């Protein structure tokens, strides 16, 4: 991954972080890494433990960022969430959900942010 893409991705994650905080989410963990990959944001929204995948793109020529959340990616995030829950002793009774934040922006201008609540399920 080139440096510009990495910086843009970090910028998108920061936008998502600020957006969720403004909506009242309590951020628990950012960039949770496991052997399966990374979950961008883990947060609490009322009674829900929320696993958030952030996708940022600069162009819509190759589709919207939401289109990049493939079934393979969903299964990867679900696997990491299960691992996080097990390793942190989180009770099975705690309701969980998977949200996606998609950001489409040209040079940090004309930015479109879409928050898909409960975007996919195990």
N, C-alpha and C. Protein backbone atom coordinates (compact mmCIF):
# COMPACT_ATOMS: atom_id res chain seq x y z
N UNK A 1 0.87 -1.18 0.00
CA UNK A 1 0.00 0.00 0.00
C UNK A 1 0.90 1.23 0.00
N UNK A 2 0.61 2.18 -0.89
CA UNK A 2 1.47 3.36 -0.92
C UNK A 2 1.13 4.30 0.24
N UNK A 3 2.04 5.24 0.47
CA UNK A 3 1.94 6.13 1.63
C UNK A 3 0.70 7.03 1.57
N UNK A 4 0.35 7.51 0.36
CA UNK A 4 -0.84 8.37 0.22
C UNK A 4 -2.12 7.62 0.56
N UNK A 5 -2.22 6.37 0.11
CA UNK A 5 -3.41 5.56 0.44
C UNK A 5 -3.50 5.29 1.93
N UNK A 6 -2.36 5.02 2.55
CA UNK A 6 -2.33 4.76 4.00
C UNK A 6 -2.78 6.01 4.77
N UNK A 7 -2.26 7.17 4.36
CA UNK A 7 -2.65 8.43 5.02
C UNK A 7 -4.13 8.70 4.83
N UNK A 8 -4.64 8.45 3.62
CA UNK A 8 -6.06 8.68 3.35
C UNK A 8 -6.92 7.73 4.20
N UNK A 9 -6.49 6.48 4.31
CA UNK A 9 -7.21 5.52 5.14
C UNK A 9 -7.24 5.94 6.60
N UNK A 10 -6.12 6.42 7.11
CA UNK A 10 -6.07 6.91 8.50
C UNK A 10 -6.96 8.13 8.68
N UNK A 11 -6.97 9.01 7.68
CA UNK A 11 -7.85 10.18 7.71
C UNK A 11 -9.31 9.73 7.77
N UNK A 12 -9.67 8.74 6.97
CA UNK A 12 -11.04 8.21 6.98
C UNK A 12 -11.41 7.61 8.32
N UNK A 13 -10.49 6.86 8.91
CA UNK A 13 -10.75 6.27 10.24
C UNK A 13 -10.94 7.36 11.29
N UNK A 14 -10.16 8.43 11.19
CA UNK A 14 -10.30 9.54 12.13
C UNK A 14 -11.66 10.22 11.97
N UNK A 15 -12.09 10.40 10.71
CA UNK A 15 -13.43 10.97 10.45
C UNK A 15 -14.52 10.09 11.06
N UNK A 16 -14.39 8.78 10.86
CA UNK A 16 -15.38 7.84 11.41
C UNK A 16 -15.39 7.89 12.93
N UNK A 17 -14.21 7.93 13.53
CA UNK A 17 -14.07 8.02 14.99
C UNK A 17 -14.79 9.26 15.52
N UNK A 18 -14.52 10.41 14.92
CA UNK A 18 -15.15 11.67 15.35
C UNK A 18 -16.66 11.63 15.14
N UNK A 19 -17.10 11.06 14.03
CA UNK A 19 -18.52 10.94 13.73
C UNK A 19 -19.23 10.10 14.80
N UNK A 20 -18.64 8.95 15.13
CA UNK A 20 -19.26 8.07 16.13
C UNK A 20 -19.28 8.72 17.51
N UNK A 21 -18.20 9.38 17.88
CA UNK A 21 -18.19 10.06 19.17
C UNK A 21 -19.27 11.13 19.23
N UNK A 22 -19.44 11.88 18.15
CA UNK A 22 -20.47 12.93 18.10
C UNK A 22 -21.87 12.34 18.22
N UNK A 23 -22.04 11.08 17.77
CA UNK A 23 -23.34 10.41 17.88
C UNK A 23 -23.54 9.75 19.24
N UNK A 24 -22.55 9.88 20.14
CA UNK A 24 -22.69 9.34 21.49
C UNK A 24 -22.14 7.94 21.69
N UNK A 25 -21.45 7.40 20.71
CA UNK A 25 -20.81 6.10 20.87
C UNK A 25 -19.64 6.23 21.84
N UNK A 26 -19.44 5.21 22.67
CA UNK A 26 -18.27 5.16 23.55
C UNK A 26 -17.24 4.27 22.85
N UNK A 27 -16.13 4.86 22.45
CA UNK A 27 -15.11 4.10 21.74
C UNK A 27 -14.33 3.26 22.74
N UNK A 28 -14.27 1.97 22.48
CA UNK A 28 -13.57 1.03 23.36
C UNK A 28 -12.17 0.74 22.84
N UNK A 29 -12.06 0.53 21.54
CA UNK A 29 -10.77 0.14 20.96
C UNK A 29 -10.72 0.58 19.50
N UNK A 30 -9.56 1.04 19.09
CA UNK A 30 -9.31 1.37 17.68
C UNK A 30 -8.24 0.44 17.16
N UNK A 31 -8.40 0.02 15.91
CA UNK A 31 -7.41 -0.83 15.24
C UNK A 31 -7.08 -2.09 16.03
N UNK A 32 -8.11 -2.83 16.41
CA UNK A 32 -7.92 -4.11 17.09
C UNK A 32 -7.34 -5.11 16.08
N UNK A 33 -6.19 -5.65 16.40
CA UNK A 33 -5.53 -6.59 15.50
C UNK A 33 -5.56 -8.00 16.08
N UNK A 34 -5.80 -8.94 15.18
CA UNK A 34 -5.72 -10.35 15.54
C UNK A 34 -5.04 -11.08 14.38
N UNK A 35 -4.93 -12.37 14.51
CA UNK A 35 -4.30 -13.13 13.41
C UNK A 35 -5.16 -13.10 12.16
N UNK A 36 -6.42 -12.73 12.29
CA UNK A 36 -7.34 -12.69 11.14
C UNK A 36 -7.32 -11.35 10.42
N UNK A 37 -6.77 -10.32 11.06
CA UNK A 37 -6.77 -9.00 10.43
C UNK A 37 -7.00 -7.91 11.46
N UNK A 38 -7.78 -6.91 11.08
CA UNK A 38 -7.98 -5.74 11.94
C UNK A 38 -9.43 -5.29 11.91
N UNK A 39 -9.95 -4.94 13.09
CA UNK A 39 -11.24 -4.27 13.19
C UNK A 39 -10.93 -2.81 13.45
N UNK A 40 -11.49 -1.93 12.63
CA UNK A 40 -11.14 -0.51 12.71
C UNK A 40 -11.55 0.12 14.03
N UNK A 41 -12.80 -0.09 14.43
CA UNK A 41 -13.31 0.53 15.67
C UNK A 41 -14.23 -0.46 16.39
N UNK A 42 -14.05 -0.56 17.70
CA UNK A 42 -14.98 -1.30 18.56
C UNK A 42 -15.55 -0.26 19.51
N UNK A 43 -16.88 -0.22 19.59
CA UNK A 43 -17.53 0.82 20.38
C UNK A 43 -18.76 0.27 21.09
N UNK A 44 -19.27 1.08 21.99
CA UNK A 44 -20.52 0.76 22.68
C UNK A 44 -21.55 1.80 22.25
N UNK A 45 -22.70 1.34 21.78
CA UNK A 45 -23.82 2.21 21.42
C UNK A 45 -25.03 1.73 22.19
N UNK A 46 -25.35 2.45 23.23
CA UNK A 46 -26.40 2.04 24.17
C UNK A 46 -26.07 0.64 24.68
N UNK A 47 -26.94 -0.35 24.43
CA UNK A 47 -26.67 -1.69 24.96
C UNK A 47 -25.84 -2.55 24.01
N UNK A 48 -25.50 -2.05 22.82
CA UNK A 48 -24.80 -2.84 21.81
C UNK A 48 -23.29 -2.67 21.86
N UNK A 49 -22.59 -3.78 21.69
CA UNK A 49 -21.17 -3.76 21.39
C UNK A 49 -21.10 -3.73 19.86
N UNK A 50 -20.45 -2.72 19.32
CA UNK A 50 -20.49 -2.49 17.88
C UNK A 50 -19.08 -2.63 17.29
N UNK A 51 -18.99 -3.46 16.25
CA UNK A 51 -17.75 -3.64 15.51
C UNK A 51 -17.92 -2.88 14.20
N UNK A 52 -17.03 -1.90 13.98
CA UNK A 52 -17.20 -0.97 12.86
C UNK A 52 -16.08 -1.16 11.84
N UNK A 53 -16.48 -1.39 10.60
CA UNK A 53 -15.54 -1.45 9.49
C UNK A 53 -15.62 -0.11 8.76
N UNK A 54 -14.48 0.53 8.56
CA UNK A 54 -14.43 1.83 7.88
C UNK A 54 -13.82 1.63 6.50
N UNK A 55 -14.50 2.17 5.49
CA UNK A 55 -13.99 2.11 4.11
C UNK A 55 -13.97 3.51 3.55
N UNK A 56 -12.80 3.95 3.10
CA UNK A 56 -12.66 5.28 2.52
C UNK A 56 -12.07 5.15 1.11
N UNK A 57 -12.68 5.87 0.18
CA UNK A 57 -12.20 5.88 -1.21
C UNK A 57 -12.19 7.31 -1.72
N UNK A 58 -11.32 7.54 -2.69
CA UNK A 58 -11.23 8.88 -3.27
C UNK A 58 -12.03 9.01 -4.56
N UNK A 59 -12.38 7.91 -5.19
CA UNK A 59 -13.13 7.96 -6.45
C UNK A 59 -14.24 6.94 -6.44
N UNK A 60 -15.32 7.26 -7.12
CA UNK A 60 -16.42 6.30 -7.23
C UNK A 60 -16.38 5.57 -8.57
N UNK A 61 -15.33 5.81 -9.37
CA UNK A 61 -15.23 5.18 -10.69
C UNK A 61 -15.32 3.66 -10.57
N UNK A 62 -14.65 3.12 -9.58
CA UNK A 62 -14.64 1.67 -9.38
C UNK A 62 -15.66 1.23 -8.34
N UNK A 63 -16.71 2.01 -8.17
CA UNK A 63 -17.76 1.66 -7.23
C UNK A 63 -17.67 2.44 -5.93
N UNK A 64 -18.74 2.36 -5.17
CA UNK A 64 -18.86 3.04 -3.88
C UNK A 64 -18.10 2.22 -2.83
N UNK A 65 -17.57 2.87 -1.79
CA UNK A 65 -16.86 2.13 -0.74
C UNK A 65 -17.70 1.01 -0.12
N UNK A 66 -19.02 1.18 -0.07
CA UNK A 66 -19.88 0.13 0.50
C UNK A 66 -19.78 -1.17 -0.29
N UNK A 67 -19.49 -1.04 -1.58
CA UNK A 67 -19.40 -2.23 -2.44
C UNK A 67 -18.15 -3.06 -2.16
N UNK A 68 -17.23 -2.54 -1.36
CA UNK A 68 -16.00 -3.26 -1.07
C UNK A 68 -16.14 -4.19 0.15
N UNK A 69 -17.29 -4.16 0.79
CA UNK A 69 -17.52 -5.04 1.95
C UNK A 69 -18.07 -6.37 1.43
N UNK A 70 -17.16 -7.21 0.99
CA UNK A 70 -17.53 -8.49 0.42
C UNK A 70 -17.94 -9.48 1.51
N UNK A 71 -18.52 -10.59 1.09
CA UNK A 71 -18.88 -11.65 2.05
C UNK A 71 -17.62 -12.16 2.75
N UNK A 72 -16.53 -12.24 2.03
CA UNK A 72 -15.25 -12.67 2.63
C UNK A 72 -14.83 -11.69 3.74
N UNK A 73 -14.94 -10.38 3.47
CA UNK A 73 -14.57 -9.37 4.47
C UNK A 73 -15.52 -9.44 5.67
N UNK A 74 -16.82 -9.63 5.42
CA UNK A 74 -17.78 -9.75 6.51
C UNK A 74 -17.42 -10.93 7.41
N UNK A 75 -17.11 -12.07 6.82
CA UNK A 75 -16.75 -13.25 7.60
C UNK A 75 -15.46 -13.04 8.38
N UNK A 76 -14.52 -12.30 7.81
CA UNK A 76 -13.27 -11.98 8.49
C UNK A 76 -13.54 -11.12 9.74
N UNK A 77 -14.37 -10.11 9.59
CA UNK A 77 -14.70 -9.23 10.72
C UNK A 77 -15.47 -10.01 11.79
N UNK A 78 -16.39 -10.86 11.39
CA UNK A 78 -17.15 -11.68 12.33
C UNK A 78 -16.21 -12.59 13.12
N UNK A 79 -15.25 -13.21 12.43
CA UNK A 79 -14.28 -14.09 13.09
C UNK A 79 -13.46 -13.32 14.12
N UNK A 80 -13.01 -12.11 13.75
CA UNK A 80 -12.23 -11.29 14.68
C UNK A 80 -13.08 -10.85 15.87
N UNK A 81 -14.35 -10.53 15.63
CA UNK A 81 -15.24 -10.11 16.71
C UNK A 81 -15.44 -11.25 17.70
N UNK A 82 -15.62 -12.46 17.20
CA UNK A 82 -15.78 -13.62 18.09
C UNK A 82 -14.53 -13.82 18.94
N UNK A 83 -13.37 -13.64 18.32
CA UNK A 83 -12.11 -13.77 19.05
C UNK A 83 -12.01 -12.68 20.13
N UNK A 84 -12.35 -11.44 19.77
CA UNK A 84 -12.31 -10.33 20.73
C UNK A 84 -13.23 -10.61 21.92
N UNK A 85 -14.43 -11.07 21.65
CA UNK A 85 -15.41 -11.38 22.68
C UNK A 85 -14.88 -12.48 23.61
N UNK A 86 -14.32 -13.54 23.03
CA UNK A 86 -13.80 -14.66 23.82
C UNK A 86 -12.61 -14.23 24.68
N UNK A 87 -11.66 -13.51 24.09
CA UNK A 87 -10.44 -13.12 24.81
C UNK A 87 -10.70 -12.08 25.89
N UNK A 88 -11.79 -11.34 25.78
CA UNK A 88 -12.07 -10.28 26.74
C UNK A 88 -13.18 -10.64 27.72
N UNK A 89 -13.62 -11.90 27.70
CA UNK A 89 -14.61 -12.37 28.66
C UNK A 89 -15.94 -11.64 28.58
N UNK A 90 -16.31 -11.23 27.40
CA UNK A 90 -17.58 -10.52 27.22
C UNK A 90 -18.72 -11.54 27.22
N UNK A 91 -19.75 -11.32 28.03
CA UNK A 91 -20.83 -12.29 28.12
C UNK A 91 -21.59 -12.45 26.80
N UNK A 92 -22.02 -13.68 26.54
CA UNK A 92 -22.79 -13.97 25.32
C UNK A 92 -24.10 -13.20 25.27
N UNK A 93 -24.58 -12.78 26.43
CA UNK A 93 -25.86 -12.07 26.49
C UNK A 93 -25.77 -10.62 25.97
N UNK A 94 -24.55 -10.09 25.84
CA UNK A 94 -24.39 -8.72 25.36
C UNK A 94 -24.69 -8.68 23.86
N UNK A 95 -25.67 -7.88 23.44
CA UNK A 95 -25.99 -7.84 22.01
C UNK A 95 -24.87 -7.13 21.22
N UNK A 96 -24.54 -7.70 20.10
CA UNK A 96 -23.49 -7.16 19.23
C UNK A 96 -24.08 -6.85 17.86
N UNK A 97 -23.42 -5.93 17.17
CA UNK A 97 -23.81 -5.67 15.78
C UNK A 97 -22.58 -5.22 15.00
N UNK A 98 -22.74 -5.25 13.69
CA UNK A 98 -21.67 -4.90 12.77
C UNK A 98 -22.12 -3.72 11.92
N UNK A 99 -21.43 -2.59 12.08
CA UNK A 99 -21.74 -1.38 11.32
C UNK A 99 -20.63 -1.14 10.29
N UNK A 100 -20.97 -0.39 9.26
CA UNK A 100 -19.99 0.01 8.26
C UNK A 100 -20.09 1.52 8.09
N UNK A 101 -18.95 2.18 8.04
CA UNK A 101 -18.90 3.59 7.70
C UNK A 101 -18.13 3.70 6.39
N UNK A 102 -18.79 4.25 5.39
CA UNK A 102 -18.19 4.44 4.07
C UNK A 102 -17.97 5.92 3.84
N UNK A 103 -16.78 6.26 3.40
CA UNK A 103 -16.43 7.66 3.15
C UNK A 103 -15.93 7.77 1.72
N UNK A 104 -16.54 8.69 0.99
CA UNK A 104 -16.13 8.98 -0.38
C UNK A 104 -15.73 10.44 -0.42
N UNK A 105 -14.48 10.72 -0.79
CA UNK A 105 -13.98 12.09 -0.72
C UNK A 105 -12.96 12.35 -1.82
N UNK A 106 -12.99 13.54 -2.35
CA UNK A 106 -11.98 14.00 -3.30
C UNK A 106 -11.10 15.01 -2.58
N UNK A 107 -9.85 14.63 -2.30
CA UNK A 107 -8.89 15.53 -1.65
C UNK A 107 -9.46 16.16 -0.38
N UNK A 108 -10.18 15.37 0.41
CA UNK A 108 -10.77 15.79 1.68
C UNK A 108 -11.84 16.88 1.49
N UNK A 109 -12.37 17.02 0.28
CA UNK A 109 -13.45 17.97 0.00
C UNK A 109 -14.64 17.20 -0.54
N UNK A 110 -15.80 17.82 -0.49
CA UNK A 110 -17.03 17.16 -0.98
C UNK A 110 -17.14 15.75 -0.41
N UNK A 111 -16.97 15.63 0.87
CA UNK A 111 -16.94 14.33 1.52
C UNK A 111 -18.34 13.81 1.80
N UNK A 112 -18.56 12.56 1.43
CA UNK A 112 -19.82 11.86 1.71
C UNK A 112 -19.52 10.77 2.73
N UNK A 113 -20.22 10.80 3.86
CA UNK A 113 -20.06 9.78 4.88
C UNK A 113 -21.40 9.07 5.05
N UNK A 114 -21.37 7.75 4.92
CA UNK A 114 -22.57 6.93 5.09
C UNK A 114 -22.33 5.97 6.24
N UNK A 115 -23.24 5.97 7.21
CA UNK A 115 -23.16 5.04 8.35
C UNK A 115 -24.26 4.01 8.19
N UNK A 116 -23.85 2.79 7.92
CA UNK A 116 -24.80 1.68 7.77
C UNK A 116 -24.85 0.93 9.09
N UNK A 117 -25.94 1.10 9.83
CA UNK A 117 -26.11 0.44 11.12
C UNK A 117 -26.59 -0.99 10.88
N UNK A 118 -26.00 -1.94 11.60
CA UNK A 118 -26.37 -3.35 11.47
C UNK A 118 -26.23 -3.79 10.00
N UNK A 119 -25.08 -3.49 9.42
CA UNK A 119 -24.83 -3.70 7.99
C UNK A 119 -24.83 -5.16 7.57
N UNK A 120 -24.36 -6.03 8.46
CA UNK A 120 -24.37 -7.47 8.17
C UNK A 120 -24.45 -8.23 9.48
N UNK A 121 -24.78 -9.51 9.36
CA UNK A 121 -24.95 -10.36 10.55
C UNK A 121 -24.22 -11.68 10.38
N UNK A 122 -23.84 -12.26 11.51
CA UNK A 122 -23.17 -13.58 11.44
C UNK A 122 -24.11 -14.65 10.88
